[in-house]
Amino acid sequence: MHALLVEDDDRMAHALSTALARRGHTVRRVGRALDALLHAHEAEFVLLDLGLPDLDGIQLLRRLRAVCAAPLIVVTARCEERDIVQGLRAGADDYVVKPFRMAELIARIDTVRRRSDPAAHEAREARQARGDRERLGDREDGSAVVRRGDVDIDLAGRTVTVAGAEVALTRREFDVLAHLAARPDQVHAREEILDRVWGDVLLAASRSLDVHVAGIRSKTGRAELVRTVRGFGYQLGRVDSRTGSRTDSRLP
């Protein structure tokens, strides 16, 4: 596959290019944002450093996402939480902080590429939908709906409504919420969610899941809808339909 490597550090670029070439990839390395945009259409996946001389990396990431649908992994020294969250929200499929182990980065590239395969994704979603219907049972109209207070999660229709108004979640935000709703009384480990929704347990050390949970809470306006079990994972919470206030967000 053809990789676009956006990295202005010559030593790092050489190391990455060599590792990718050994895996059978062809690599175009650029060191400036404008060159990255020029060659984005060629890329089958992108590795992006955020510390570029001509444009902030997050701005470039947003521009790349507007013209390029290829899987994209940020590889950067920026390790602050706000940088990681910003990168994931701007469209990165994964976020790797320097220094890193080359074997781990290669594994993440392979996983992101598998996730981006449309046929594989459709098959995975179909299996998940069948499993959800089997666990929850179908209504007469063919849908399976989980209700928490004034929140309705329609697993088959892939919609969420709050107090009767539909909420626009991203595909992956809905996948996370649907996974919790399929077994609403069960506490789900981070690794389990990452494996089921992302297909990648290696993401356990990243903030991808936390960012998407924050998005669910913010967009629904029901922070208690997803309950955090510290040190373990998440569970579908309970919502007071009269007030939307927290009723089941603490640990037992």
Protein backbone atom coordinates (compact mmCIF):
# COMPACT_ATOMS: atom_id res chain seq x y z
CA MET A 1 0.00 0.00 0.00
CA HIS A 2 1.04 3.59 -0.54
CA ALA A 3 1.74 5.64 2.58
CA LEU A 4 1.94 9.40 2.88
CA LEU A 5 4.43 10.24 5.64
CA VAL A 6 4.18 13.84 6.83
CA GLU A 7 7.28 14.32 8.99
CA ASP A 8 9.80 17.19 8.97
CA ASP A 9 12.45 15.41 11.08
CA ASP A 10 14.85 13.63 8.73
CA ARG A 11 15.97 10.94 11.20
CA MET A 12 12.43 10.03 12.22
CA ALA A 13 11.28 10.08 8.59
CA HIS A 14 14.11 7.73 7.58
CA ALA A 15 13.31 5.28 10.41
CA LEU A 16 9.61 5.24 9.58
CA SER A 17 10.16 4.96 5.83
CA THR A 18 12.54 2.04 6.33
CA ALA A 19 10.13 0.20 8.63
CA LEU A 20 7.22 0.71 6.24
CA ALA A 21 9.26 -0.36 3.23
CA ARG A 22 10.18 -3.60 5.02
CA ARG A 23 6.45 -4.26 5.38
CA GLY A 24 6.02 -3.90 1.64
CA HIS A 25 4.62 -0.36 1.60
CA THR A 26 5.67 2.39 -0.76
CA VAL A 27 6.24 5.71 0.98
CA ARG A 28 6.06 9.33 -0.09
CA ARG A 29 7.63 11.48 2.57
CA VAL A 30 6.88 15.20 2.78
CA GLY A 31 7.95 17.72 5.40
CA ARG A 32 5.48 20.52 4.81
CA ALA A 33 1.72 20.84 5.10
CA LEU A 34 1.24 22.20 1.60
CA ASP A 35 3.03 19.21 0.09
CA ALA A 36 0.88 16.87 2.21
CA LEU A 37 -2.28 18.42 0.76
CA LEU A 38 -0.82 18.19 -2.75
CA HIS A 39 -0.22 14.44 -2.47
CA ALA A 40 -3.11 13.45 -0.18
CA HIS A 41 -5.13 11.98 -3.05
CA GLU A 42 -2.41 9.36 -3.64
CA ALA A 43 -2.40 8.03 -0.09
CA GLU A 44 -3.88 4.74 1.08
CA PHE A 45 -2.94 5.65 4.64
CA VAL A 46 -1.32 8.67 6.28
CA LEU A 47 1.13 9.12 9.14
CA LEU A 48 1.02 12.72 10.34
CA ASP A 49 3.39 14.62 12.63
CA LEU A 50 1.74 17.68 14.18
CA GLY A 51 4.91 19.79 14.54
CA LEU A 52 5.25 21.16 11.01
CA PRO A 53 7.03 24.39 9.99
CA ASP A 54 4.35 25.90 7.77
CA LEU A 55 1.01 25.02 9.41
CA ASP A 56 -0.28 23.75 12.74
CA GLY A 57 -0.75 19.99 12.54
CA ILE A 58 -4.35 20.03 13.78
CA GLN A 59 -5.29 22.54 11.08
CA LEU A 60 -3.63 20.30 8.50
CA LEU A 61 -5.45 17.28 9.89
CA ARG A 62 -8.81 19.00 9.40
CA ARG A 63 -7.86 19.99 5.84
CA LEU A 64 -6.67 16.48 5.03
CA ARG A 65 -9.94 15.03 6.31
CA ALA A 66 -11.82 17.32 3.92
CA VAL A 67 -10.00 15.90 0.87
CA CYS A 68 -8.75 12.46 1.95
CA ALA A 69 -10.69 9.53 3.42
CA ALA A 70 -7.62 7.32 3.91
CA PRO A 71 -6.86 5.98 7.41
CA LEU A 72 -4.77 8.52 9.31
CA ILE A 73 -2.60 8.09 12.39
CA VAL A 74 -1.09 11.04 14.22
CA VAL A 75 2.52 10.36 15.27
CA THR A 76 3.72 13.23 17.42
CA ALA A 77 5.56 14.35 20.53
CA ARG A 78 2.50 16.26 21.74
CA CYS A 79 1.29 14.25 24.71
CA GLU A 80 -1.04 16.61 26.58
CA GLU A 81 -4.59 15.36 27.03
CA ARG A 82 -6.08 18.30 25.16
CA ASP A 83 -3.82 17.62 22.16
CA ILE A 84 -4.85 13.96 22.04
CA VAL A 85 -8.54 14.79 22.36
CA GLN A 86 -8.26 17.52 19.74
CA GLY A 87 -6.49 15.22 17.32
CA LEU A 88 -9.05 12.44 17.65
CA ARG A 89 -11.95 14.86 17.31
CA ALA A 90 -10.35 16.43 14.25
CA GLY A 91 -10.51 13.07 12.48
CA ALA A 92 -7.45 10.99 13.39
CA ASP A 93 -8.10 7.23 13.47
CA ASP A 94 -5.41 6.79 16.13
CA TYR A 95 -2.91 8.89 18.05
CA VAL A 96 0.61 7.67 18.85
CA VAL A 97 2.96 9.66 21.10
CA LYS A 98 6.72 9.78 20.50
CA PRO A 99 8.85 7.98 21.53
CA PHE A 100 7.09 4.77 20.55
CA ARG A 101 7.96 1.16 19.75
CA MET A 102 8.09 0.61 16.01
CA ALA A 103 6.40 -2.80 16.32
CA GLU A 104 3.45 -1.20 18.11
CA LEU A 105 3.09 1.50 15.46
CA ILE A 106 3.14 -1.12 12.68
CA ALA A 107 0.47 -3.09 14.54
CA ARG A 108 -1.68 0.02 14.86
CA ILE A 109 -1.29 0.75 11.14
CA ASP A 110 -2.39 -2.78 10.28
CA THR A 111 -5.39 -2.51 12.60
CA VAL A 112 -6.50 0.89 11.31
CA ARG A 113 -6.28 -0.42 7.76
CA ARG A 114 -8.42 -3.44 8.65
CA ARG A 115 -11.01 -1.20 10.26
CA SER A 116 -11.14 0.97 7.16
CA ASP A 117 -12.07 -1.98 4.91
CA PRO A 118 -15.74 -1.30 4.05
CA ALA A 119 -16.64 -4.94 3.45
CA ALA A 120 -15.15 -6.02 6.76
CA HIS A 121 -16.89 -3.17 8.57
CA GLU A 122 -20.29 -3.97 7.05
CA ALA A 123 -19.91 -7.63 8.00
CA ARG A 124 -18.93 -6.68 11.56
CA GLU A 125 -21.92 -4.31 11.88
CA ALA A 126 -24.28 -6.99 10.55
CA ARG A 127 -22.99 -9.51 13.09
CA GLN A 128 -23.35 -6.96 15.88
CA ALA A 129 -26.91 -6.05 14.82
CA ARG A 130 -27.92 -9.72 14.77
CA GLY A 131 -26.42 -10.25 18.20
CA ASP A 132 -28.18 -7.18 19.59
CA ARG A 133 -31.55 -8.36 18.29
CA GLU A 134 -31.02 -11.84 19.70
CA ARG A 135 -30.16 -10.47 23.15
CA LEU A 136 -32.90 -7.80 23.34
CA GLY A 137 -35.69 -9.20 21.21
CA ASP A 138 -37.40 -7.34 18.39
CA ARG A 139 -40.46 -5.15 18.62
CA GLU A 140 -43.33 -5.67 16.17
CA ASP A 141 -41.87 -3.01 13.87
CA GLY A 142 -38.57 -4.93 13.75
CA SER A 143 -36.54 -2.58 15.95
CA ALA A 144 -34.92 -3.15 19.32
CA VAL A 145 -35.10 -0.11 21.61
CA VAL A 146 -33.44 0.39 24.98
CA ARG A 147 -34.89 3.13 27.15
CA ARG A 148 -33.14 5.01 29.94
CA GLY A 149 -35.40 7.71 31.36
CA ASP A 150 -36.18 10.04 28.45
CA VAL A 151 -33.43 8.54 26.28
CA ASP A 152 -34.38 5.95 23.62
CA ILE A 153 -31.62 3.97 21.90
CA ASP A 154 -32.90 2.27 18.76
CA LEU A 155 -30.30 -0.37 18.00
CA ALA A 156 -31.76 -1.51 14.69
CA GLY A 157 -32.57 1.97 13.43
CA ARG A 158 -29.27 3.37 14.79
CA THR A 159 -30.94 6.43 16.27
CA VAL A 160 -30.93 8.08 19.70
CA THR A 161 -33.65 10.41 20.94
CA VAL A 162 -33.68 12.50 24.10
CA ALA A 163 -37.08 13.76 25.27
CA GLY A 164 -38.41 12.91 21.81
CA ALA A 165 -35.75 14.83 19.88
CA GLU A 166 -33.22 12.94 17.80
CA VAL A 167 -29.56 13.42 18.71
CA ALA A 168 -26.91 13.25 15.99
CA LEU A 169 -24.12 10.96 17.19
CA THR A 170 -21.19 9.95 15.02
CA ARG A 171 -21.11 6.37 13.77
CA ARG A 172 -18.54 5.34 16.36
CA GLU A 173 -20.27 7.17 19.22
CA PHE A 174 -23.43 5.25 18.42
CA ASP A 175 -21.47 1.98 18.20
CA VAL A 176 -20.11 2.55 21.73
CA LEU A 177 -23.54 3.41 23.12
CA ALA A 178 -25.19 0.47 21.34
CA HIS A 179 -22.60 -1.93 22.72
CA LEU A 180 -23.38 -0.77 26.27
CA ALA A 181 -27.13 -0.84 25.62
CA ALA A 182 -27.05 -4.39 24.25
CA ARG A 183 -26.18 -5.60 27.77
CA PRO A 184 -27.38 -2.69 29.91
CA ASP A 185 -26.87 -4.38 33.28
CA GLN A 186 -23.32 -5.48 32.54
CA VAL A 187 -20.14 -3.52 33.24
CA HIS A 188 -18.01 -3.54 30.09
CA ALA A 189 -14.22 -3.53 30.26
CA ARG A 190 -12.37 -0.94 28.19
CA GLU A 191 -10.56 -3.72 26.33
CA GLU A 192 -13.86 -5.41 25.47
CA ILE A 193 -15.35 -2.20 24.04
CA LEU A 194 -12.21 -1.39 22.06
CA ASP A 195 -12.07 -4.89 20.64
CA ARG A 196 -15.77 -4.93 19.69
CA VAL A 197 -16.14 -1.37 18.39
CA TRP A 198 -12.64 -0.54 17.13
CA GLY A 199 -11.38 -4.07 16.55
CA ASP A 200 -8.18 -3.11 18.37
CA VAL A 201 -7.35 -3.90 21.99
CA LEU A 202 -4.05 -2.03 21.53
CA LEU A 203 -6.03 1.20 21.69
CA ALA A 204 -6.54 0.59 25.43
CA ALA A 205 -3.66 2.96 26.17
CA SER A 206 -5.11 5.75 24.01
CA ARG A 207 -7.90 8.24 24.70
CA SER A 208 -10.10 7.22 21.75
CA LEU A 209 -12.79 5.57 23.88
CA ASP A 210 -12.84 8.36 26.47
CA VAL A 211 -13.24 10.99 23.76
CA HIS A 212 -16.23 9.19 22.25
CA VAL A 213 -17.86 8.67 25.65
CA ALA A 214 -17.45 12.40 26.32
CA GLY A 215 -19.12 13.07 22.96
CA ILE A 216 -22.11 10.88 23.87
CA ARG A 217 -22.56 12.65 27.20
CA SER A 218 -22.22 16.10 25.71
CA LYS A 219 -24.53 15.58 22.72
CA THR A 220 -27.29 13.85 24.67
CA GLY A 221 -27.04 16.27 27.58
CA ARG A 222 -27.27 13.23 29.86
CA ALA A 223 -23.86 12.77 31.48
CA GLU A 224 -25.23 9.89 33.56
CA LEU A 225 -26.22 7.89 30.46
CA VAL A 226 -22.73 6.36 30.38
CA ARG A 227 -21.50 5.35 33.81
CA THR A 228 -17.75 5.20 34.47
CA VAL A 229 -16.46 2.29 36.52
CA ARG A 230 -13.06 3.55 37.56
CA GLY A 231 -10.13 1.40 36.63
CA PHE A 232 -12.28 -0.98 34.59
CA GLY A 233 -14.64 0.44 31.97
CA TYR A 234 -18.19 1.66 31.36
CA GLN A 235 -21.82 0.69 31.84
CA LEU A 236 -25.12 2.07 30.59
CA GLY A 237 -26.36 4.34 33.37
CA ARG A 238 -29.83 5.36 34.50
CA VAL A 239 -31.45 8.68 33.70
CA ASP A 240 -34.19 10.38 35.70
CA SER A 241 -36.76 11.13 32.99
CA ARG A 242 -38.22 14.01 35.01
CA THR A 243 -35.03 15.96 35.54
CA GLY A 244 -32.25 14.30 33.58
CA SER A 245 -30.23 14.37 36.79
CA ARG A 246 -27.81 11.69 37.85
CA THR A 247 -29.37 8.66 39.53
CA ASP A 248 -26.82 5.91 38.99
CA SER A 249 -23.38 7.28 38.26
CA ARG A 250 -21.44 6.18 41.31
CA LEU A 251 -19.75 2.93 41.94
CA PRO A 252 -21.74 0.45 44.03
